[in-house]
Each structure stands twice: as C-alpha cells, then as structure tokens.
Protein backbone atom coordinates (compact mmCIF):
# COMPACT_ATOMS: atom_id res chain seq x y z
CA MET A 1 31.05 -16.92 -32.67
CA TYR A 2 30.36 -20.12 -30.52
CA ILE A 3 27.93 -22.95 -30.47
CA THR A 4 25.65 -22.68 -27.49
CA GLN A 5 26.76 -24.16 -24.24
CA GLU A 6 23.75 -26.67 -24.53
CA THR A 7 25.11 -27.89 -27.85
CA ASP A 8 28.49 -28.35 -26.43
CA TYR A 9 27.04 -30.52 -23.60
CA ALA A 10 24.93 -32.49 -26.18
CA VAL A 11 28.17 -33.21 -28.13
CA ARG A 12 29.93 -34.35 -24.94
CA ILE A 13 26.84 -36.51 -24.08
CA VAL A 14 26.69 -38.37 -27.38
CA HIS A 15 30.68 -38.84 -27.22
CA CYS A 16 30.33 -40.29 -23.87
CA LEU A 17 27.66 -42.75 -25.07
CA ALA A 18 29.63 -43.48 -28.16
CA CYS A 19 32.81 -44.29 -26.18
CA SER A 20 31.03 -46.53 -23.63
CA GLY A 21 29.04 -48.42 -26.14
CA VAL A 22 26.57 -49.60 -23.50
CA ARG A 23 23.35 -48.31 -21.81
CA ARG A 24 24.08 -45.66 -19.21
CA ASP A 25 21.85 -44.01 -16.56
CA ALA A 26 21.37 -40.24 -16.67
CA ARG A 27 23.16 -39.54 -13.40
CA SER A 28 26.44 -41.41 -14.55
CA ILE A 29 26.34 -39.63 -17.82
CA SER A 30 25.90 -36.37 -16.25
CA GLU A 31 28.77 -37.06 -13.78
CA GLU A 32 31.23 -38.08 -16.56
CA VAL A 33 30.47 -35.04 -18.73
CA CYS A 34 30.37 -32.57 -15.80
CA VAL A 35 26.78 -31.35 -16.72
CA THR A 36 24.12 -31.17 -14.03
CA LEU A 37 21.60 -34.07 -13.88
CA ARG A 38 18.68 -31.72 -14.81
CA PHE A 39 20.45 -30.25 -17.82
CA SER A 40 21.58 -33.74 -18.95
CA LEU A 41 18.00 -34.86 -18.78
CA LYS A 42 16.82 -31.96 -20.96
CA ILE A 43 19.59 -32.70 -23.53
CA LEU A 44 18.85 -36.23 -23.48
CA GLY A 45 15.23 -35.64 -24.17
CA LYS A 46 16.04 -33.57 -27.23
CA LEU A 47 18.39 -36.17 -28.51
CA SER A 48 15.94 -38.87 -27.88
CA ALA A 49 13.25 -36.86 -29.64
CA VAL A 50 15.09 -36.77 -32.79
CA GLY A 51 16.36 -40.45 -32.76
CA ILE A 52 20.04 -39.89 -31.74
CA VAL A 53 19.49 -41.72 -28.38
CA ASN A 54 17.15 -44.38 -27.29
CA SER A 55 15.44 -43.83 -23.82
CA PHE A 56 14.76 -46.85 -21.66
CA LYS A 57 12.42 -46.68 -18.56
CA GLY A 58 12.38 -48.85 -15.61
CA ASN A 59 14.80 -50.83 -13.46
CA LYS A 60 17.43 -51.41 -16.21
CA GLY A 61 16.46 -48.12 -18.01
CA GLY A 62 18.93 -45.60 -19.19
CA TYR A 63 20.27 -44.02 -22.53
CA GLU A 64 22.08 -45.46 -25.34
CA LEU A 65 22.91 -44.45 -28.99
CA ALA A 66 19.97 -45.15 -31.30
CA ARG A 67 22.53 -45.41 -34.16
CA THR A 68 26.14 -46.17 -34.54
CA PRO A 69 28.81 -43.60 -34.06
CA ALA A 70 29.53 -43.79 -37.60
CA ASP A 71 25.92 -42.86 -38.38
CA ILE A 72 25.79 -39.71 -36.05
CA THR A 73 27.30 -36.41 -37.04
CA LEU A 74 28.14 -33.30 -35.37
CA LYS A 75 25.50 -31.69 -37.53
CA ASP A 76 22.73 -34.19 -36.20
CA VAL A 77 23.52 -33.05 -32.75
CA LEU A 78 23.70 -29.36 -33.45
CA VAL A 79 20.36 -29.43 -35.25
CA ALA A 80 18.80 -31.49 -32.58
CA VAL A 81 19.65 -28.86 -29.92
CA GLU A 82 19.50 -25.55 -31.92
CA GLY A 83 17.72 -26.18 -35.16
CA PRO A 84 19.18 -25.80 -38.55
CA TYR A 85 22.41 -23.86 -38.71
CA GLU A 86 22.42 -20.61 -40.70
CA MET A 87 25.33 -17.97 -40.28
CA SER A 88 22.78 -15.07 -40.61
CA ARG A 89 19.21 -14.34 -39.72
CA CYS A 90 19.07 -12.60 -43.03
CA LEU A 91 18.98 -15.99 -44.82
CA SER A 92 15.50 -16.22 -43.64
CA ALA A 93 12.85 -14.21 -45.99
CA GLN A 94 11.05 -13.30 -42.66
CA GLU A 95 14.27 -11.82 -41.08
CA CYS A 96 15.64 -9.76 -43.96
CA SER A 97 15.37 -6.24 -42.68
CA ARG A 98 15.88 -4.70 -46.12
CA GLY A 99 13.44 -6.75 -48.19
CA ALA A 100 16.39 -7.77 -50.36
CA CYS A 101 16.18 -11.53 -50.32
CA GLY A 102 18.06 -12.97 -53.26
CA ASN A 103 19.45 -9.65 -54.28
CA CYS A 104 22.03 -9.11 -51.61
CA ALA A 105 25.81 -9.96 -51.87
CA PHE A 106 26.10 -10.31 -48.04
CA GLN A 107 23.11 -12.70 -48.11
CA ARG A 108 24.60 -14.81 -50.76
CA ALA A 109 27.90 -14.71 -48.81
CA PHE A 110 26.55 -15.92 -45.69
CA ASP A 111 24.43 -18.59 -47.52
CA ARG A 112 27.67 -20.06 -49.17
CA LEU A 113 29.54 -19.88 -45.70
CA SER A 114 26.59 -21.61 -43.93
CA GLN A 115 26.43 -24.43 -46.66
CA ASP A 116 30.22 -24.99 -46.15
CA ILE A 117 29.85 -25.12 -42.49
CA ASN A 118 26.98 -27.58 -42.74
CA THR A 119 28.74 -29.62 -45.02
CA ARG A 120 31.80 -29.98 -42.76
CA LEU A 121 29.59 -30.73 -39.73
CA GLU A 122 27.81 -33.23 -41.67
CA ALA A 123 31.05 -35.01 -42.69
CA LEU A 124 32.31 -35.27 -38.99
CA THR A 125 30.87 -38.45 -37.46
CA PHE A 126 31.26 -39.53 -33.87
CA GLN A 127 33.23 -42.58 -34.97
CA ALA A 128 35.75 -40.48 -36.96
CA LEU A 129 36.17 -38.22 -33.95
CA MET A 130 36.65 -41.24 -31.73
CA ASP A 131 39.26 -42.62 -34.22
CA GLU A 132 41.10 -39.43 -34.26
CA GLN A 133 41.08 -39.23 -30.49
CA ALA A 134 42.38 -42.73 -30.17
CA ALA A 135 45.13 -42.01 -32.65
CA MET A 136 46.07 -38.99 -30.70
CA GLU A 137 46.19 -40.81 -27.26
CA ASP A 138 47.32 -44.44 -28.39
CA GLY A 139 43.63 -45.70 -28.10
CA ASP A 140 42.41 -44.05 -24.97
CA CYS A 141 39.05 -42.28 -25.23
CA ASP A 142 39.39 -39.21 -23.07
CA CYS A 143 35.79 -38.81 -21.86
CA GLY A 144 36.07 -41.36 -18.94
CA CYS A 145 32.92 -43.28 -19.98
CA GLN A 146 34.83 -46.48 -20.83
CA GLU A 147 36.00 -46.92 -17.34
CA ALA A 148 32.53 -46.13 -15.86
CA ALA A 149 30.89 -48.50 -18.28
CA GLN A 150 33.23 -51.38 -17.02
CA GLU A 151 31.95 -50.73 -13.51
CA GLN A 152 28.31 -50.80 -14.79
CA PRO A 153 26.81 -54.06 -15.59
CA GLN A 154 25.23 -54.33 -19.07
CA PRO A 155 21.55 -54.92 -19.16
CA ALA A 156 20.51 -58.01 -21.06
CA GLY A 157 20.19 -57.23 -24.80
CA VAL A 158 22.27 -54.08 -24.88
CA GLY A 159 24.71 -53.92 -27.57
CA ASP A 160 22.98 -56.72 -29.53
CA HIS A 161 21.89 -54.36 -32.44
C-alpha cells in the first residue's frame, strides 16, 4: 500500500518550500523536486486552495508556505491531495457492500488502524522532519532548495511574517 505519486510530490514540494524559507517560482521548485512544471503547478494549486501555500502573481510572484513548517503536518498535505485517509472503503456507509456498518469486526479494525495512521500523520510536522534530517546530516537539508534560494533574490516583504 502506497501513497499516490501526487502526494509524494506534494510532500517534496512542501519540504522544498520549508527548507528554502523564501518565495520560489514554480519552475525552480519543479526542477528542485524533479517533477514536471505542469504537475507541480497542479499540486501547488491544490496546496494553495487549502491554505498550505500562498500563491503570488506578477513579476515577483511565486509560492511560499502560508504557515510555518511547525504548523504543517504530513496529514495536511495528504488530505489536500487525496482527501481524508481511510484504510478501507468499507468505512463509508455508502461503500459497505454487506450493509453491516457498525456490526463488522473488519470495519472496526480498519477504523482503528485508520485512526492510528491519521494520528501519526498529524504528529509529523515539516519542522520535525527538517530537524530530523538536519540531525542526520549535520545540518544539511537534502532537498537542494537552500542552494537555489541563495541564488534567487528575495522579494521585498517575504519572510516578514
């Protein structure tokens, strides 16, 4: 069982923005995370729609995190892309093929597992992931965005949150 490729890319995009800490254009983000520009724009649109990233138009436009990395969880990103996580379709009353909602040991087990996974996803913030990565690599973020951000001038007012 895997998360979708789109969710994997969304996690990479948020991580890239979290590591860089500055407004980035979609092209540089897509190049850093090795995702096509078109797919990156689709994902950035979803992340923007739910308030994970802010989108800015114009000459100094681009994307930046709408919240701090400590306030964005893996669950936030997964839900933005895929919707709420449930381990089995049987957890939805409309999808129970047996009409046994609430009276099925499998449904209860899948519900408990789904709750456990959601709790763990909710506990993992991008700040915690960045801190863990920094500890593993003596302070180096592995997404490559920090180097790219140093090359890109920061627009006025960015980072003044």
